[in-house]
């Protein structure tokens, strides 16, 4: 397992949510705001390239297609 995947496994709970309308949302849940911030800053460029939108709520980040 690469370092990124190991870090996710140790620091984050990932959930895939499919809405009634068929939208695909990834929810990343962390134990601290610092972990949320580090993950968000480290991935924002990739999400932008992929055309993804994000929403931070508390210790969670939702990532979905615009």
PDB file of N, CA and C in Angstrom:
ATOM      1  N   UNK A   1       0.848  -1.175   0.000  1.00  0.00           N
ATOM      2  CA  UNK A   1       0.000   0.000   0.000  1.00  0.00           C
ATOM      3  C   UNK A   1       0.897   1.243   0.000  1.00  0.00           C
ATOM      4  N   UNK A   2       0.593   2.188  -0.887  1.00  0.00           N
ATOM      5  CA  UNK A   2       1.424   3.386  -0.930  1.00  0.00           C
ATOM      6  C   UNK A   2       1.139   4.282   0.284  1.00  0.00           C
ATOM      7  N   UNK A   3       2.002   5.270   0.497  1.00  0.00           N
ATOM      8  CA  UNK A   3       1.892   6.125   1.686  1.00  0.00           C
ATOM      9  C   UNK A   3       0.567   6.877   1.735  1.00  0.00           C
ATOM     10  N   UNK A   4       0.076   7.338   0.601  1.00  0.00           N
ATOM     11  CA  UNK A   4      -1.186   8.083   0.547  1.00  0.00           C
ATOM     12  C   UNK A   4      -2.350   7.208   1.018  1.00  0.00           C
ATOM     13  N   UNK A   5      -2.433   6.004   0.475  1.00  0.00           N
ATOM     14  CA  UNK A   5      -3.531   5.105   0.851  1.00  0.00           C
ATOM     15  C   UNK A   5      -3.425   4.689   2.317  1.00  0.00           C
ATOM     16  N   UNK A   6      -2.212   4.502   2.796  1.00  0.00           N
ATOM     17  CA  UNK A   6      -2.021   4.150   4.198  1.00  0.00           C
ATOM     18  C   UNK A   6      -2.437   5.306   5.093  1.00  0.00           C
ATOM     19  N   UNK A   7      -2.087   6.542   4.708  1.00  0.00           N
ATOM     20  CA  UNK A   7      -2.482   7.712   5.489  1.00  0.00           C
ATOM     21  C   UNK A   7      -4.004   7.820   5.545  1.00  0.00           C
ATOM     22  N   UNK A   8      -4.666   7.614   4.395  1.00  0.00           N
ATOM     23  CA  UNK A   8      -6.135   7.647   4.372  1.00  0.00           C
ATOM     24  C   UNK A   8      -6.720   6.593   5.302  1.00  0.00           C
ATOM     25  N   UNK A   9      -6.192   5.397   5.248  1.00  0.00           N
ATOM     26  CA  UNK A   9      -6.706   4.314   6.088  1.00  0.00           C
ATOM     27  C   UNK A   9      -6.537   4.633   7.572  1.00  0.00           C
ATOM     28  N   UNK A  10      -5.439   5.295   7.928  1.00  0.00           N
ATOM     29  CA  UNK A  10      -5.159   5.605   9.328  1.00  0.00           C
ATOM     30  C   UNK A  10      -5.911   6.839   9.834  1.00  0.00           C
ATOM     31  N   UNK A  11      -6.244   7.778   8.948  1.00  0.00           N
ATOM     32  CA  UNK A  11      -6.759   9.075   9.387  1.00  0.00           C
ATOM     33  C   UNK A  11      -8.158   9.431   8.906  1.00  0.00           C
ATOM     34  N   UNK A  12      -8.756   8.597   8.101  1.00  0.00           N
ATOM     35  CA  UNK A  12      -9.978   9.008   7.438  1.00  0.00           C
ATOM     36  C   UNK A  12     -10.916   7.821   7.241  1.00  0.00           C
ATOM     37  N   UNK A  13     -12.206   8.122   7.271  1.00  0.00           N
ATOM     38  CA  UNK A  13     -13.216   7.117   6.906  1.00  0.00           C
ATOM     39  C   UNK A  13     -13.852   7.583   5.606  1.00  0.00           C
ATOM     40  N   UNK A  14     -13.781   6.767   4.564  1.00  0.00           N
ATOM     41  CA  UNK A  14     -14.339   7.092   3.257  1.00  0.00           C
ATOM     42  C   UNK A  14     -15.677   6.392   3.073  1.00  0.00           C
ATOM     43  N   UNK A  15     -16.649   7.153   2.566  1.00  0.00           N
ATOM     44  CA  UNK A  15     -17.959   6.594   2.284  1.00  0.00           C
ATOM     45  C   UNK A  15     -18.401   7.081   0.910  1.00  0.00           C
ATOM     46  N   UNK A  16     -18.928   6.190   0.099  1.00  0.00           N
ATOM     47  CA  UNK A  16     -19.485   6.576  -1.193  1.00  0.00           C
ATOM     48  C   UNK A  16     -20.991   6.652  -1.046  1.00  0.00           C
ATOM     49  N   UNK A  17     -21.558   7.804  -1.423  1.00  0.00           N
ATOM     50  CA  UNK A  17     -22.995   8.034  -1.296  1.00  0.00           C
ATOM     51  C   UNK A  17     -23.578   8.190  -2.695  1.00  0.00           C
ATOM     52  N   UNK A  18     -24.610   7.443  -2.997  1.00  0.00           N
ATOM     53  CA  UNK A  18     -25.321   7.576  -4.256  1.00  0.00           C
ATOM     54  C   UNK A  18     -26.696   8.173  -3.924  1.00  0.00           C
ATOM     55  N   UNK A  19     -27.001   9.341  -4.484  1.00  0.00           N
ATOM     56  CA  UNK A  19     -28.276   9.993  -4.193  1.00  0.00           C
ATOM     57  C   UNK A  19     -29.398   9.358  -5.013  1.00  0.00           C
ATOM     58  N   UNK A  20     -30.634   9.713  -4.697  1.00  0.00           N
ATOM     59  CA  UNK A  20     -31.791   9.189  -5.436  1.00  0.00           C
ATOM     60  C   UNK A  20     -31.717   9.556  -6.907  1.00  0.00           C
ATOM     61  N   UNK A  21     -31.128  10.720  -7.207  1.00  0.00           N
ATOM     62  CA  UNK A  21     -30.994  11.156  -8.592  1.00  0.00           C
ATOM     63  C   UNK A  21     -29.792  10.553  -9.312  1.00  0.00           C
ATOM     64  N   UNK A  22     -29.008   9.745  -8.607  1.00  0.00           N
ATOM     65  CA  UNK A  22     -27.871   9.068  -9.226  1.00  0.00           C
ATOM     66  C   UNK A  22     -26.546   9.781  -9.086  1.00  0.00           C
ATOM     67  N   UNK A  23     -26.501  10.882  -8.328  1.00  0.00           N
ATOM     68  CA  UNK A  23     -25.234  11.585  -8.116  1.00  0.00           C
ATOM     69  C   UNK A  23     -24.307  10.744  -7.246  1.00  0.00           C
ATOM     70  N   UNK A  24     -23.031  10.815  -7.555  1.00  0.00           N
ATOM     71  CA  UNK A  24     -22.003  10.071  -6.848  1.00  0.00           C
ATOM     72  C   UNK A  24     -21.213  11.044  -5.979  1.00  0.00           C
ATOM     73  N   UNK A  25     -21.248  10.857  -4.670  1.00  0.00           N
ATOM     74  CA  UNK A  25     -20.565  11.739  -3.733  1.00  0.00           C
ATOM     75  C   UNK A  25     -19.621  10.908  -2.871  1.00  0.00           C
ATOM     76  N   UNK A  26     -18.380  11.385  -2.715  1.00  0.00           N
ATOM     77  CA  UNK A  26     -17.445  10.759  -1.795  1.00  0.00           C
ATOM     78  C   UNK A  26     -17.391  11.595  -0.539  1.00  0.00           C
ATOM     79  N   UNK A  27     -17.572  10.965   0.608  1.00  0.00           N
ATOM     80  CA  UNK A  27     -17.506  11.653   1.891  1.00  0.00           C
ATOM     81  C   UNK A  27     -16.271  11.155   2.634  1.00  0.00           C
ATOM     82  N   UNK A  28     -15.400  12.096   3.000  1.00  0.00           N
ATOM     83  CA  UNK A  28     -14.197  11.793   3.764  1.00  0.00           C
ATOM     84  C   UNK A  28     -14.384  12.373   5.161  1.00  0.00           C
ATOM     85  N   UNK A  29     -14.327  11.529   6.190  1.00  0.00           N
ATOM     86  CA  UNK A  29     -14.524  11.971   7.570  1.00  0.00           C
ATOM     87  C   UNK A  29     -13.219  11.835   8.353  1.00  0.00           C
ATOM     88  N   UNK A  30     -12.864  12.891   9.068  1.00  0.00           N
ATOM     89  CA  UNK A  30     -11.618  12.947   9.820  1.00  0.00           C
ATOM     90  C   UNK A  30     -11.894  13.175  11.298  1.00  0.00           C
ATOM     91  N   UNK A  31     -10.889  12.948  12.132  1.00  0.00           N
ATOM     92  CA  UNK A  31     -11.049  13.135  13.572  1.00  0.00           C
ATOM     93  C   UNK A  31     -10.672  14.542  14.024  1.00  0.00           C
ATOM     94  N   UNK A  32      -9.994  15.308  13.173  1.00  0.00           N
ATOM     95  CA  UNK A  32      -9.599  16.663  13.561  1.00  0.00           C
ATOM     96  C   UNK A  32      -9.698  17.607  12.362  1.00  0.00           C
ATOM     97  N   UNK A  33      -9.862  18.885  12.658  1.00  0.00           N
ATOM     98  CA  UNK A  33      -9.911  19.869  11.589  1.00  0.00           C
ATOM     99  C   UNK A  33      -8.566  19.986  10.893  1.00  0.00           C
ATOM    100  N   UNK A  34      -7.472  19.794  11.636  1.00  0.00           N
ATOM    101  CA  UNK A  34      -6.131  19.847  11.035  1.00  0.00           C
ATOM    102  C   UNK A  34      -5.987  18.784   9.939  1.00  0.00           C
ATOM    103  N   UNK A  35      -6.495  17.592  10.175  1.00  0.00           N
ATOM    104  CA  UNK A  35      -6.449  16.516   9.175  1.00  0.00           C
ATOM    105  C   UNK A  35      -7.297  16.882   7.964  1.00  0.00           C
ATOM    106  N   UNK A  36      -8.472  17.495   8.200  1.00  0.00           N
ATOM    107  CA  UNK A  36      -9.324  17.953   7.093  1.00  0.00           C
ATOM    108  C   UNK A  36      -8.565  18.963   6.241  1.00  0.00           C
ATOM    109  N   UNK A  37      -7.968  19.937   6.899  1.00  0.00           N
ATOM    110  CA  UNK A  37      -7.240  20.997   6.204  1.00  0.00           C
ATOM    111  C   UNK A  37      -6.077  20.440   5.391  1.00  0.00           C
ATOM    112  N   UNK A  38      -5.280  19.559   5.963  1.00  0.00           N
ATOM    113  CA  UNK A  38      -4.140  18.970   5.247  1.00  0.00           C
ATOM    114  C   UNK A  38      -4.602  18.179   4.030  1.00  0.00           C
ATOM    115  N   UNK A  39      -5.646  17.375   4.183  1.00  0.00           N
ATOM    116  CA  UNK A  39      -6.165  16.576   3.085  1.00  0.00           C
ATOM    117  C   UNK A  39      -6.730  17.472   1.980  1.00  0.00           C
ATOM    118  N   UNK A  40      -7.483  18.494   2.370  1.00  0.00           N
ATOM    119  CA  UNK A  40      -8.089  19.417   1.410  1.00  0.00           C
ATOM    120  C   UNK A  40      -7.023  20.144   0.600  1.00  0.00           C
ATOM    121  N   UNK A  41      -6.039  20.719   1.275  1.00  0.00           N
ATOM    122  CA  UNK A  41      -4.966  21.456   0.594  1.00  0.00           C
ATOM    123  C   UNK A  41      -4.167  20.532  -0.317  1.00  0.00           C
ATOM    124  N   UNK A  42      -3.944  19.303   0.123  1.00  0.00           N
ATOM    125  CA  UNK A  42      -3.164  18.355  -0.672  1.00  0.00           C
ATOM    126  C   UNK A  42      -3.877  17.834  -1.908  1.00  0.00           C
ATOM    127  N   UNK A  43      -5.213  17.966  -1.965  1.00  0.00           N
ATOM    128  CA  UNK A  43      -5.974  17.380  -3.068  1.00  0.00           C
ATOM    129  C   UNK A  43      -6.747  18.375  -3.922  1.00  0.00           C
ATOM    130  N   UNK A  44      -6.783  19.635  -3.557  1.00  0.00           N
ATOM    131  CA  UNK A  44      -7.618  20.611  -4.249  1.00  0.00           C
ATOM    132  C   UNK A  44      -7.269  20.732  -5.734  1.00  0.00           C
ATOM    133  N   UNK A  45      -5.985  20.703  -6.079  1.00  0.00           N
ATOM    134  CA  UNK A  45      -5.590  20.813  -7.488  1.00  0.00           C
ATOM    135  C   UNK A  45      -6.085  19.621  -8.310  1.00  0.00           C
ATOM    136  N   UNK A  46      -6.005  18.430  -7.740  1.00  0.00           N
ATOM    137  CA  UNK A  46      -6.475  17.233  -8.442  1.00  0.00           C
ATOM    138  C   UNK A  46      -7.978  17.308  -8.664  1.00  0.00           C
ATOM    139  N   UNK A  47      -8.717  17.694  -7.635  1.00  0.00           N
ATOM    140  CA  UNK A  47     -10.177  17.805  -7.777  1.00  0.00           C
ATOM    141  C   UNK A  47     -10.546  18.858  -8.812  1.00  0.00           C
ATOM    142  N   UNK A  48      -9.801  19.947  -8.858  1.00  0.00           N
ATOM    143  CA  UNK A  48     -10.065  21.001  -9.841  1.00  0.00           C
ATOM    144  C   UNK A  48      -9.861  20.471 -11.261  1.00  0.00           C
ATOM    145  N   UNK A  49      -8.762  19.732 -11.479  1.00  0.00           N
ATOM    146  CA  UNK A  49      -8.491  19.143 -12.803  1.00  0.00           C
ATOM    147  C   UNK A  49      -9.588  18.174 -13.218  1.00  0.00           C
ATOM    148  N   UNK A  50     -10.149  17.458 -12.254  1.00  0.00           N
ATOM    149  CA  UNK A  50     -11.190  16.464 -12.538  1.00  0.00           C
ATOM    150  C   UNK A  50     -12.585  17.081 -12.620  1.00  0.00           C
ATOM    151  N   UNK A  51     -12.701  18.402 -12.406  1.00  0.00           N
ATOM    152  CA  UNK A  51     -13.999  19.063 -12.472  1.00  0.00           C
ATOM    153  C   UNK A  51     -14.888  18.759 -11.288  1.00  0.00           C
ATOM    154  N   UNK A  52     -14.297  18.458 -10.150  1.00  0.00           N
ATOM    155  CA  UNK A  52     -15.051  18.123  -8.937  1.00  0.00           C
ATOM    156  C   UNK A  52     -15.307  19.382  -8.107  1.00  0.00           C
ATOM    157  N   UNK A  53     -16.394  19.374  -7.381  1.00  0.00           N
ATOM    158  CA  UNK A  53     -16.710  20.423  -6.417  1.00  0.00           C
ATOM    159  C   UNK A  53     -16.549  19.821  -5.028  1.00  0.00           C
ATOM    160  N   UNK A  54     -16.301  20.670  -4.042  1.00  0.00           N
ATOM    161  CA  UNK A  54     -16.119  20.203  -2.674  1.00  0.00           C
ATOM    162  C   UNK A  54     -16.946  21.032  -1.710  1.00  0.00           C
ATOM    163  N   UNK A  55     -17.262  20.418  -0.596  1.00  0.00           N
ATOM    164  CA  UNK A  55     -17.963  21.106   0.492  1.00  0.00           C
ATOM    165  C   UNK A  55     -17.401  20.552   1.792  1.00  0.00           C
ATOM    166  N   UNK A  56     -16.900  21.458   2.636  1.00  0.00           N
ATOM    167  CA  UNK A  56     -16.382  21.053   3.934  1.00  0.00           C
ATOM    168  C   UNK A  56     -17.458  21.332   4.980  1.00  0.00           C
ATOM    169  N   UNK A  57     -17.807  20.307   5.740  1.00  0.00           N
ATOM    170  CA  UNK A  57     -18.791  20.429   6.808  1.00  0.00           C
ATOM    171  C   UNK A  57     -18.186  19.800   8.063  1.00  0.00           C
ATOM    172  N   UNK A  58     -17.833  20.638   9.027  1.00  0.00           N
ATOM    173  CA  UNK A  58     -17.230  20.126  10.257  1.00  0.00           C
ATOM    174  C   UNK A  58     -15.932  19.397   9.977  1.00  0.00           C
ATOM    175  N   UNK A  59     -15.874  18.136  10.344  1.00  0.00           N
ATOM    176  CA  UNK A  59     -14.679  17.308  10.123  1.00  0.00           C
ATOM    177  C   UNK A  59     -14.830  16.429   8.881  1.00  0.00           C
ATOM    178  N   UNK A  60     -15.719  16.808   7.969  1.00  0.00           N
ATOM    179  CA  UNK A  60     -15.962  16.013   6.765  1.00  0.00           C
ATOM    180  C   UNK A  60     -15.773  16.857   5.504  1.00  0.00           C
ATOM    181  N   UNK A  61     -15.383  16.190   4.428  1.00  0.00           N
ATOM    182  CA  UNK A  61     -15.298  16.808   3.103  1.00  0.00           C
ATOM    183  C   UNK A  61     -16.176  15.983   2.160  1.00  0.00           C
ATOM    184  N   UNK A  62     -17.060  16.656   1.433  1.00  0.00           N
ATOM    185  CA  UNK A  62     -17.852  16.001   0.399  1.00  0.00           C
ATOM    186  C   UNK A  62     -17.259  16.392  -0.946  1.00  0.00           C
ATOM    187  N   UNK A  63     -17.027  15.413  -1.813  1.00  0.00           N
ATOM    188  CA  UNK A  63     -16.454  15.644  -3.139  1.00  0.00           C
ATOM    189  C   UNK A  63     -17.427  15.077  -4.165  1.00  0.00           C
ATOM    190  N   UNK A  64     -17.830  15.917  -5.133  1.00  0.00           N
ATOM    191  CA  UNK A  64     -18.824  15.492  -6.096  1.00  0.00           C
ATOM    192  C   UNK A  64     -18.581  16.198  -7.431  1.00  0.00           C
ATOM    193  N   UNK A  65     -19.211  15.691  -8.490  1.00  0.00           N
ATOM    194  CA  UNK A  65     -19.092  16.282  -9.816  1.00  0.00           C
ATOM    195  C   UNK A  65     -20.031  17.476  -9.905  1.00  0.00           C
ATOM    196  N   UNK A  66     -19.517  18.536 -10.497  1.00  0.00           N
ATOM    197  CA  UNK A  66     -20.326  19.770 -10.649  1.00  0.00           C
ATOM    198  C   UNK A  66     -21.505  19.536 -11.540  1.00  0.00           C
TER     199      UNK A  66
END
